[in-house]
């Protein structure tokens, strides 16, 4: 473990890495809000076409809305939040696809659960669907951030951890 001036440098670097993670999460959260707007716009556009969908059609609407948000997420996060770590490698694209599918399952299950919980309250369908979409989008965004940060762009964590490990020597 470093001491004195080296210890101060270690503390500064560790804090910089923490600030970088916070900045990254804030960027991801802002993009997640944009993704939510894309999903809500898509869902409501589909609801204009079919205002009272059956459960299969509702699942399809949710999946299409989610897919549009994921495409938006990939575009912006690869250029902003994870810029410098997103190199378009096959491994990253496959990892992103796997995390998107896992987040879709989380999104879908949360959407169904929230929608079912709200049915007894007698809310109009469009309000119920949008509330369920917002809550499920939030849960899947948080899981997506964790999947992307720790599974898709693992080289980013190795770089950050390597700096901390080197300073600790």
N, C-alpha and C. Protein backbone atom coordinates (compact mmCIF):
# COMPACT_ATOMS: atom_id res chain seq x y z
N UNK A 1 0.84 -1.19 0.00
CA UNK A 1 0.00 0.00 0.00
C UNK A 1 0.88 1.24 0.00
N UNK A 2 0.50 2.22 -0.77
CA UNK A 2 1.27 3.45 -0.87
C UNK A 2 1.02 4.32 0.34
N UNK A 3 2.04 5.16 0.70
CA UNK A 3 1.86 6.09 1.80
C UNK A 3 2.38 7.47 1.43
N UNK A 4 2.12 8.50 2.25
CA UNK A 4 2.59 9.84 1.97
C UNK A 4 2.02 10.39 0.68
N UNK A 5 2.94 10.95 -0.15
CA UNK A 5 2.53 11.56 -1.41
C UNK A 5 1.88 10.54 -2.35
N UNK A 6 2.43 9.32 -2.36
CA UNK A 6 1.84 8.26 -3.21
C UNK A 6 0.43 7.92 -2.74
N UNK A 7 0.22 7.94 -1.43
CA UNK A 7 -1.11 7.68 -0.88
C UNK A 7 -2.11 8.74 -1.31
N UNK A 8 -1.66 10.01 -1.33
CA UNK A 8 -2.52 11.09 -1.79
C UNK A 8 -2.86 10.91 -3.27
N UNK A 9 -1.86 10.52 -4.08
CA UNK A 9 -2.10 10.31 -5.50
C UNK A 9 -3.10 9.17 -5.70
N UNK A 10 -2.95 8.12 -4.90
CA UNK A 10 -3.87 7.00 -4.97
C UNK A 10 -5.29 7.46 -4.67
N UNK A 11 -5.46 8.26 -3.61
CA UNK A 11 -6.78 8.77 -3.24
C UNK A 11 -7.37 9.64 -4.34
N UNK A 12 -6.55 10.48 -4.95
CA UNK A 12 -7.01 11.34 -6.04
C UNK A 12 -7.47 10.48 -7.22
N UNK A 13 -6.68 9.46 -7.57
CA UNK A 13 -7.04 8.60 -8.71
C UNK A 13 -8.30 7.81 -8.42
N UNK A 14 -8.42 7.29 -7.21
CA UNK A 14 -9.61 6.54 -6.84
C UNK A 14 -10.84 7.43 -6.93
N UNK A 15 -10.73 8.67 -6.45
CA UNK A 15 -11.85 9.61 -6.52
C UNK A 15 -12.18 9.96 -7.97
N UNK A 16 -11.16 10.08 -8.82
CA UNK A 16 -11.39 10.37 -10.24
C UNK A 16 -12.16 9.23 -10.90
N UNK A 17 -11.81 8.00 -10.55
CA UNK A 17 -12.52 6.84 -11.10
C UNK A 17 -13.96 6.84 -10.62
N UNK A 18 -14.19 7.15 -9.33
CA UNK A 18 -15.55 7.23 -8.80
C UNK A 18 -16.34 8.31 -9.52
N UNK A 19 -15.71 9.51 -9.70
CA UNK A 19 -16.39 10.60 -10.42
C UNK A 19 -16.70 10.19 -11.84
N UNK A 20 -15.79 9.46 -12.47
CA UNK A 20 -16.02 8.97 -13.83
C UNK A 20 -17.22 8.04 -13.88
N UNK A 21 -17.35 7.19 -12.87
CA UNK A 21 -18.49 6.26 -12.82
C UNK A 21 -19.79 7.02 -12.59
N UNK A 22 -19.74 8.04 -11.74
CA UNK A 22 -20.94 8.85 -11.50
C UNK A 22 -21.33 9.60 -12.77
N UNK A 23 -20.34 10.20 -13.43
CA UNK A 23 -20.60 10.91 -14.68
C UNK A 23 -21.21 9.95 -15.71
N UNK A 24 -20.65 8.78 -15.79
CA UNK A 24 -21.13 7.76 -16.72
C UNK A 24 -22.58 7.39 -16.41
N UNK A 25 -22.89 7.21 -15.13
CA UNK A 25 -24.26 6.85 -14.76
C UNK A 25 -25.22 7.98 -15.08
N UNK A 26 -24.81 9.24 -14.84
CA UNK A 26 -25.67 10.39 -15.16
C UNK A 26 -25.91 10.46 -16.67
N UNK A 27 -24.86 10.27 -17.46
CA UNK A 27 -25.03 10.26 -18.92
C UNK A 27 -25.99 9.15 -19.33
N UNK A 28 -25.80 7.98 -18.76
CA UNK A 28 -26.66 6.84 -19.08
C UNK A 28 -28.10 7.15 -18.68
N UNK A 29 -28.29 7.76 -17.51
CA UNK A 29 -29.64 8.08 -17.04
C UNK A 29 -30.32 9.09 -17.96
N UNK A 30 -29.57 10.09 -18.43
CA UNK A 30 -30.16 11.06 -19.36
C UNK A 30 -30.56 10.40 -20.67
N UNK A 31 -29.71 9.52 -21.15
CA UNK A 31 -30.04 8.78 -22.37
C UNK A 31 -31.23 7.85 -22.11
N UNK A 32 -31.30 7.29 -20.91
CA UNK A 32 -32.44 6.43 -20.55
C UNK A 32 -33.74 7.21 -20.60
N UNK A 33 -33.70 8.49 -20.20
CA UNK A 33 -34.90 9.33 -20.30
C UNK A 33 -35.29 9.53 -21.76
N UNK A 34 -34.30 9.73 -22.60
CA UNK A 34 -34.56 9.84 -24.04
C UNK A 34 -35.14 8.52 -24.57
N UNK A 35 -34.58 7.40 -24.11
CA UNK A 35 -35.09 6.09 -24.51
C UNK A 35 -36.54 5.92 -24.08
N UNK A 36 -36.84 6.37 -22.86
CA UNK A 36 -38.21 6.28 -22.36
C UNK A 36 -39.15 7.10 -23.25
N UNK A 37 -38.69 8.29 -23.66
CA UNK A 37 -39.50 9.13 -24.54
C UNK A 37 -39.76 8.41 -25.87
N UNK A 38 -38.73 7.75 -26.39
CA UNK A 38 -38.88 6.99 -27.64
C UNK A 38 -39.88 5.84 -27.44
N UNK A 39 -39.75 5.13 -26.32
CA UNK A 39 -40.66 4.01 -26.04
C UNK A 39 -42.10 4.49 -25.85
N UNK A 40 -42.28 5.58 -25.12
CA UNK A 40 -43.63 6.11 -24.88
C UNK A 40 -44.24 6.60 -26.20
N UNK A 41 -43.45 7.31 -27.00
CA UNK A 41 -43.96 7.78 -28.29
C UNK A 41 -44.34 6.61 -29.19
N UNK A 42 -43.51 5.58 -29.19
CA UNK A 42 -43.81 4.40 -30.01
C UNK A 42 -45.06 3.70 -29.51
N UNK A 43 -45.14 3.46 -28.19
CA UNK A 43 -46.30 2.79 -27.60
C UNK A 43 -47.58 3.57 -27.89
N UNK A 44 -47.54 4.88 -27.67
CA UNK A 44 -48.75 5.68 -27.87
C UNK A 44 -49.12 5.78 -29.34
N UNK A 45 -48.14 5.77 -30.23
CA UNK A 45 -48.44 5.72 -31.66
C UNK A 45 -49.14 4.43 -32.01
N UNK A 46 -48.67 3.33 -31.45
CA UNK A 46 -49.32 2.03 -31.70
C UNK A 46 -50.71 1.96 -31.07
N UNK A 47 -50.86 2.60 -29.90
CA UNK A 47 -52.17 2.62 -29.25
C UNK A 47 -53.17 3.49 -30.02
N UNK A 48 -52.68 4.47 -30.76
CA UNK A 48 -53.57 5.26 -31.61
C UNK A 48 -54.13 4.39 -32.73
N UNK A 49 -53.30 3.49 -33.22
CA UNK A 49 -53.72 2.58 -34.29
C UNK A 49 -54.68 1.53 -33.74
N UNK A 50 -54.36 0.99 -32.57
CA UNK A 50 -55.17 -0.07 -31.94
C UNK A 50 -55.36 0.31 -30.47
N UNK A 51 -56.41 1.11 -30.14
CA UNK A 51 -56.57 1.64 -28.78
C UNK A 51 -56.81 0.60 -27.68
N UNK A 52 -57.38 -0.54 -27.99
CA UNK A 52 -57.69 -1.53 -26.97
C UNK A 52 -57.12 -2.89 -27.38
N UNK A 53 -55.78 -3.02 -27.32
CA UNK A 53 -55.16 -4.27 -27.80
C UNK A 53 -55.42 -5.44 -26.85
N UNK A 54 -55.48 -6.63 -27.43
CA UNK A 54 -55.55 -7.83 -26.58
C UNK A 54 -54.16 -8.07 -26.00
N UNK A 55 -54.03 -9.07 -25.16
CA UNK A 55 -52.76 -9.28 -24.45
C UNK A 55 -51.60 -9.59 -25.40
N UNK A 56 -51.85 -10.31 -26.47
CA UNK A 56 -50.79 -10.63 -27.43
C UNK A 56 -50.33 -9.36 -28.15
N UNK A 57 -51.30 -8.55 -28.58
CA UNK A 57 -50.96 -7.31 -29.27
C UNK A 57 -50.25 -6.34 -28.32
N UNK A 58 -50.69 -6.30 -27.07
CA UNK A 58 -50.04 -5.44 -26.08
C UNK A 58 -48.59 -5.86 -25.86
N UNK A 59 -48.35 -7.16 -25.82
CA UNK A 59 -46.98 -7.67 -25.69
C UNK A 59 -46.15 -7.27 -26.91
N UNK A 60 -46.75 -7.35 -28.08
CA UNK A 60 -46.06 -6.93 -29.30
C UNK A 60 -45.76 -5.44 -29.26
N UNK A 61 -46.72 -4.62 -28.84
CA UNK A 61 -46.51 -3.17 -28.73
C UNK A 61 -45.37 -2.87 -27.77
N UNK A 62 -45.36 -3.55 -26.63
CA UNK A 62 -44.29 -3.34 -25.65
C UNK A 62 -42.94 -3.74 -26.23
N UNK A 63 -42.89 -4.85 -26.96
CA UNK A 63 -41.63 -5.31 -27.55
C UNK A 63 -41.13 -4.35 -28.62
N UNK A 64 -42.03 -3.84 -29.45
CA UNK A 64 -41.64 -2.88 -30.48
C UNK A 64 -41.14 -1.59 -29.83
N UNK A 65 -41.85 -1.13 -28.80
CA UNK A 65 -41.44 0.08 -28.08
C UNK A 65 -40.06 -0.11 -27.45
N UNK A 66 -39.86 -1.27 -26.86
CA UNK A 66 -38.58 -1.57 -26.22
C UNK A 66 -37.46 -1.64 -27.26
N UNK A 67 -37.74 -2.28 -28.40
CA UNK A 67 -36.72 -2.40 -29.45
C UNK A 67 -36.31 -1.02 -29.96
N UNK A 68 -37.26 -0.12 -30.12
CA UNK A 68 -36.93 1.24 -30.58
C UNK A 68 -36.05 1.94 -29.54
N UNK A 69 -36.38 1.76 -28.26
CA UNK A 69 -35.59 2.37 -27.20
C UNK A 69 -34.18 1.78 -27.14
N UNK A 70 -34.05 0.47 -27.36
CA UNK A 70 -32.74 -0.18 -27.34
C UNK A 70 -31.86 0.33 -28.49
N UNK A 71 -32.44 0.48 -29.66
CA UNK A 71 -31.67 1.02 -30.79
C UNK A 71 -31.19 2.43 -30.49
N UNK A 72 -32.07 3.23 -29.91
CA UNK A 72 -31.69 4.58 -29.51
C UNK A 72 -30.59 4.54 -28.45
N UNK A 73 -30.73 3.63 -27.49
CA UNK A 73 -29.75 3.47 -26.42
C UNK A 73 -28.37 3.12 -26.98
N UNK A 74 -28.35 2.16 -27.87
CA UNK A 74 -27.06 1.74 -28.43
C UNK A 74 -26.41 2.90 -29.18
N UNK A 75 -27.19 3.60 -29.98
CA UNK A 75 -26.65 4.72 -30.75
C UNK A 75 -26.00 5.75 -29.83
N UNK A 76 -26.74 6.22 -28.81
CA UNK A 76 -26.23 7.29 -27.97
C UNK A 76 -25.19 6.81 -26.94
N UNK A 77 -25.41 5.67 -26.31
CA UNK A 77 -24.45 5.22 -25.30
C UNK A 77 -23.10 4.84 -25.90
N UNK A 78 -23.10 4.30 -27.11
CA UNK A 78 -21.81 3.96 -27.73
C UNK A 78 -21.05 5.22 -28.15
N UNK A 79 -21.76 6.34 -28.32
CA UNK A 79 -21.12 7.58 -28.74
C UNK A 79 -20.87 8.56 -27.60
N UNK A 80 -21.55 8.36 -26.46
CA UNK A 80 -21.42 9.30 -25.35
C UNK A 80 -20.92 8.59 -24.09
N UNK A 81 -21.77 7.78 -23.49
CA UNK A 81 -21.46 7.18 -22.19
C UNK A 81 -20.25 6.26 -22.22
N UNK A 82 -20.18 5.41 -23.22
CA UNK A 82 -19.09 4.43 -23.29
C UNK A 82 -18.15 4.72 -24.45
N UNK A 83 -18.11 5.98 -24.88
CA UNK A 83 -17.22 6.40 -25.96
C UNK A 83 -15.78 6.05 -25.58
N UNK A 84 -15.05 5.52 -26.50
CA UNK A 84 -13.68 5.11 -26.22
C UNK A 84 -13.58 3.64 -25.84
N UNK A 85 -14.69 3.07 -25.40
CA UNK A 85 -14.70 1.65 -25.06
C UNK A 85 -15.56 0.85 -26.03
N UNK A 86 -16.45 1.55 -26.73
CA UNK A 86 -17.29 0.90 -27.73
C UNK A 86 -16.53 0.90 -29.05
N UNK A 87 -15.99 -0.26 -29.41
CA UNK A 87 -15.19 -0.33 -30.63
C UNK A 87 -15.89 -1.09 -31.75
N UNK A 88 -17.14 -1.48 -31.51
CA UNK A 88 -17.90 -2.19 -32.54
C UNK A 88 -17.44 -3.62 -32.77
N UNK A 89 -16.62 -4.14 -31.86
CA UNK A 89 -16.14 -5.51 -32.00
C UNK A 89 -17.31 -6.48 -31.92
N UNK A 90 -17.14 -7.62 -32.57
CA UNK A 90 -18.19 -8.63 -32.60
C UNK A 90 -18.59 -9.03 -31.18
N UNK A 91 -17.62 -9.18 -30.29
CA UNK A 91 -17.88 -9.57 -28.91
C UNK A 91 -18.77 -8.53 -28.23
N UNK A 92 -18.52 -7.25 -28.47
CA UNK A 92 -19.34 -6.20 -27.87
C UNK A 92 -20.75 -6.19 -28.45
N UNK A 93 -20.86 -6.36 -29.75
CA UNK A 93 -22.19 -6.36 -30.38
C UNK A 93 -23.02 -7.55 -29.86
N UNK A 94 -22.39 -8.71 -29.76
CA UNK A 94 -23.09 -9.89 -29.23
C UNK A 94 -23.45 -9.67 -27.76
N UNK A 95 -22.50 -9.12 -26.99
CA UNK A 95 -22.77 -8.82 -25.58
C UNK A 95 -23.91 -7.83 -25.43
N UNK A 96 -23.94 -6.81 -26.30
CA UNK A 96 -25.02 -5.83 -26.24
C UNK A 96 -26.35 -6.50 -26.57
N UNK A 97 -26.35 -7.38 -27.56
CA UNK A 97 -27.58 -8.09 -27.93
C UNK A 97 -28.07 -8.97 -26.77
N UNK A 98 -27.16 -9.68 -26.12
CA UNK A 98 -27.54 -10.54 -24.99
C UNK A 98 -28.10 -9.71 -23.85
N UNK A 99 -27.42 -8.59 -23.53
CA UNK A 99 -27.93 -7.75 -22.44
C UNK A 99 -29.27 -7.14 -22.82
N UNK A 100 -29.46 -6.80 -24.10
CA UNK A 100 -30.74 -6.24 -24.54
C UNK A 100 -31.86 -7.26 -24.38
N UNK A 101 -31.57 -8.52 -24.70
CA UNK A 101 -32.58 -9.57 -24.53
C UNK A 101 -32.90 -9.80 -23.05
N UNK A 102 -31.86 -9.81 -22.21
CA UNK A 102 -32.08 -9.98 -20.77
C UNK A 102 -32.88 -8.80 -20.21
N UNK A 103 -32.55 -7.60 -20.65
CA UNK A 103 -33.29 -6.42 -20.20
C UNK A 103 -34.71 -6.42 -20.75
N UNK A 104 -34.90 -6.96 -21.94
CA UNK A 104 -36.25 -7.07 -22.50
C UNK A 104 -37.11 -7.98 -21.63
N UNK A 105 -36.55 -9.09 -21.18
CA UNK A 105 -37.30 -10.00 -20.30
C UNK A 105 -37.67 -9.26 -19.01
N UNK A 106 -36.72 -8.55 -18.42
CA UNK A 106 -36.99 -7.77 -17.21
C UNK A 106 -38.08 -6.74 -17.49
N UNK A 107 -37.94 -6.03 -18.62
CA UNK A 107 -38.91 -5.02 -19.01
C UNK A 107 -40.30 -5.62 -19.18
N UNK A 108 -40.36 -6.71 -19.90
CA UNK A 108 -41.64 -7.35 -20.20
C UNK A 108 -42.33 -7.85 -18.94
N UNK A 109 -41.60 -8.54 -18.08
CA UNK A 109 -42.19 -9.07 -16.85
C UNK A 109 -42.65 -7.93 -15.93
N UNK A 110 -41.84 -6.88 -15.83
CA UNK A 110 -42.23 -5.73 -15.01
C UNK A 110 -43.45 -5.03 -15.60
N UNK A 111 -43.48 -4.90 -16.93
CA UNK A 111 -44.63 -4.27 -17.60
C UNK A 111 -45.91 -5.03 -17.29
N UNK A 112 -45.87 -6.35 -17.43
CA UNK A 112 -47.06 -7.16 -17.15
C UNK A 112 -47.47 -7.06 -15.69
N UNK A 113 -46.50 -7.13 -14.79
CA UNK A 113 -46.79 -7.10 -13.36
C UNK A 113 -47.42 -5.77 -12.95
N UNK A 114 -46.82 -4.66 -13.39
CA UNK A 114 -47.36 -3.34 -13.03
C UNK A 114 -48.73 -3.15 -13.66
N UNK A 115 -48.88 -3.53 -14.92
CA UNK A 115 -50.18 -3.41 -15.58
C UNK A 115 -51.24 -4.20 -14.81
N UNK A 116 -50.93 -5.43 -14.42
CA UNK A 116 -51.88 -6.27 -13.66
C UNK A 116 -52.19 -5.66 -12.29
N UNK A 117 -51.18 -5.07 -11.64
CA UNK A 117 -51.41 -4.44 -10.33
C UNK A 117 -52.32 -3.21 -10.44
N UNK A 118 -52.29 -2.53 -11.58
CA UNK A 118 -53.08 -1.31 -11.75
C UNK A 118 -54.50 -1.57 -12.24
N UNK A 119 -54.78 -2.75 -12.77
CA UNK A 119 -56.12 -3.06 -13.31
C UNK A 119 -57.22 -2.80 -12.28
N UNK A 120 -57.08 -3.27 -11.02
CA UNK A 120 -58.17 -3.07 -10.06
C UNK A 120 -58.45 -1.60 -9.72
N UNK A 121 -57.55 -0.70 -10.06
CA UNK A 121 -57.73 0.71 -9.72
C UNK A 121 -58.63 1.44 -10.71
N UNK A 122 -59.02 0.77 -11.79
CA UNK A 122 -59.96 1.35 -12.74
C UNK A 122 -59.41 2.49 -13.59
N UNK A 123 -58.10 2.56 -13.73
CA UNK A 123 -57.50 3.60 -14.57
C UNK A 123 -57.79 3.32 -16.04
N UNK A 124 -57.90 4.37 -16.83
CA UNK A 124 -58.02 4.13 -18.28
C UNK A 124 -56.81 3.34 -18.78
N UNK A 125 -57.04 2.52 -19.80
CA UNK A 125 -55.97 1.67 -20.32
C UNK A 125 -54.71 2.45 -20.67
N UNK A 126 -54.85 3.57 -21.38
CA UNK A 126 -53.65 4.30 -21.83
C UNK A 126 -52.83 4.81 -20.66
N UNK A 127 -53.47 5.20 -19.55
CA UNK A 127 -52.72 5.63 -18.36
C UNK A 127 -52.01 4.42 -17.76
N UNK A 128 -52.74 3.32 -17.63
CA UNK A 128 -52.16 2.10 -17.06
C UNK A 128 -50.96 1.64 -17.88
N UNK A 129 -51.09 1.61 -19.19
CA UNK A 129 -50.00 1.17 -20.07
C UNK A 129 -48.78 2.08 -19.95
N UNK A 130 -49.02 3.38 -19.88
CA UNK A 130 -47.90 4.32 -19.79
C UNK A 130 -47.20 4.27 -18.44
N UNK A 131 -47.96 4.10 -17.36
CA UNK A 131 -47.35 3.94 -16.04
C UNK A 131 -46.52 2.66 -16.01
N UNK A 132 -47.10 1.58 -16.52
CA UNK A 132 -46.37 0.30 -16.57
C UNK A 132 -45.12 0.42 -17.43
N UNK A 133 -45.24 1.15 -18.54
CA UNK A 133 -44.09 1.36 -19.42
C UNK A 133 -42.99 2.15 -18.71
N UNK A 134 -43.37 3.18 -17.97
CA UNK A 134 -42.38 3.99 -17.25
C UNK A 134 -41.65 3.21 -16.18
N UNK A 135 -42.40 2.45 -15.39
CA UNK A 135 -41.77 1.67 -14.32
C UNK A 135 -40.92 0.54 -14.89
N UNK A 136 -41.45 -0.17 -15.87
CA UNK A 136 -40.67 -1.27 -16.46
C UNK A 136 -39.44 -0.73 -17.19
N UNK A 137 -39.57 0.44 -17.81
CA UNK A 137 -38.43 1.06 -18.48
C UNK A 137 -37.33 1.45 -17.51
N UNK A 138 -37.73 1.94 -16.35
CA UNK A 138 -36.75 2.32 -15.32
C UNK A 138 -35.99 1.09 -14.83
N UNK A 139 -36.72 0.02 -14.52
CA UNK A 139 -36.08 -1.20 -14.03
C UNK A 139 -35.15 -1.81 -15.07
N UNK A 140 -35.61 -1.85 -16.32
CA UNK A 140 -34.76 -2.45 -17.35
C UNK A 140 -33.57 -1.55 -17.68
N UNK A 141 -33.72 -0.23 -17.54
CA UNK A 141 -32.58 0.68 -17.78
C UNK A 141 -31.49 0.49 -16.75
N UNK A 142 -31.89 0.34 -15.49
CA UNK A 142 -30.88 0.12 -14.44
C UNK A 142 -30.16 -1.20 -14.68
N UNK A 143 -30.91 -2.25 -14.99
CA UNK A 143 -30.26 -3.54 -15.25
C UNK A 143 -29.39 -3.46 -16.50
N UNK A 144 -29.86 -2.74 -17.50
CA UNK A 144 -29.09 -2.58 -18.73
C UNK A 144 -27.76 -1.87 -18.46
N UNK A 145 -27.79 -0.82 -17.64
CA UNK A 145 -26.55 -0.11 -17.30
C UNK A 145 -25.56 -1.06 -16.66
N UNK A 146 -26.03 -1.84 -15.71
CA UNK A 146 -25.13 -2.77 -15.01
C UNK A 146 -24.60 -3.84 -15.96
N UNK A 147 -25.46 -4.38 -16.83
CA UNK A 147 -25.02 -5.37 -17.81
C UNK A 147 -23.99 -4.78 -18.76
N UNK A 148 -24.26 -3.58 -19.27
CA UNK A 148 -23.35 -2.96 -20.23
C UNK A 148 -22.01 -2.64 -19.58
N UNK A 149 -22.06 -2.01 -18.41
CA UNK A 149 -20.83 -1.59 -17.74
C UNK A 149 -19.96 -2.78 -17.33
N UNK A 150 -20.60 -3.83 -16.80
CA UNK A 150 -19.80 -4.91 -16.23
C UNK A 150 -19.68 -6.15 -17.12
N UNK A 151 -20.48 -6.26 -18.17
CA UNK A 151 -20.40 -7.43 -19.03
C UNK A 151 -20.01 -7.09 -20.47
N UNK A 152 -20.59 -6.04 -21.03
CA UNK A 152 -20.33 -5.72 -22.43
C UNK A 152 -19.00 -4.99 -22.59
N UNK A 153 -18.81 -3.94 -21.82
CA UNK A 153 -17.58 -3.14 -21.92
C UNK A 153 -16.65 -3.47 -20.76
N UNK A 154 -16.31 -4.74 -20.63
CA UNK A 154 -15.46 -5.19 -19.52
C UNK A 154 -14.08 -4.57 -19.59
N UNK A 155 -13.61 -4.25 -20.80
CA UNK A 155 -12.28 -3.64 -20.91
C UNK A 155 -12.23 -2.31 -20.19
N UNK A 156 -13.34 -1.60 -20.07
CA UNK A 156 -13.38 -0.35 -19.36
C UNK A 156 -13.09 -0.58 -17.88
N UNK A 157 -13.64 -1.62 -17.31
CA UNK A 157 -13.45 -1.92 -15.90
C UNK A 157 -12.04 -2.42 -15.63
N UNK A 158 -11.47 -3.16 -16.58
CA UNK A 158 -10.10 -3.63 -16.45
C UNK A 158 -9.14 -2.45 -16.43
N UNK A 159 -9.38 -1.47 -17.32
CA UNK A 159 -8.52 -0.28 -17.38
C UNK A 159 -8.59 0.46 -16.06
N UNK A 160 -9.82 0.74 -15.58
CA UNK A 160 -9.99 1.46 -14.32
C UNK A 160 -9.41 0.70 -13.15
N UNK A 161 -9.68 -0.59 -13.08
CA UNK A 161 -9.18 -1.41 -11.98
C UNK A 161 -7.66 -1.52 -12.04
N UNK A 162 -7.11 -1.60 -13.26
CA UNK A 162 -5.66 -1.69 -13.42
C UNK A 162 -4.95 -0.46 -12.88
N UNK A 163 -5.54 0.71 -13.09
CA UNK A 163 -4.95 1.94 -12.56
C UNK A 163 -4.95 1.91 -11.05
N UNK A 164 -6.07 1.50 -10.45
CA UNK A 164 -6.15 1.44 -8.99
C UNK A 164 -5.17 0.40 -8.46
N UNK A 165 -5.12 -0.77 -9.08
CA UNK A 165 -4.19 -1.81 -8.63
C UNK A 165 -2.75 -1.33 -8.69
N UNK A 166 -2.41 -0.62 -9.75
CA UNK A 166 -1.03 -0.14 -9.92
C UNK A 166 -0.69 0.87 -8.83
N UNK A 167 -1.64 1.73 -8.50
CA UNK A 167 -1.40 2.72 -7.45
C UNK A 167 -1.29 2.08 -6.08
N UNK A 168 -1.97 0.95 -5.87
CA UNK A 168 -1.92 0.28 -4.57
C UNK A 168 -0.59 -0.42 -4.33
N UNK A 169 0.16 -0.67 -5.39
CA UNK A 169 1.45 -1.39 -5.25
C UNK A 169 2.48 -0.56 -4.51
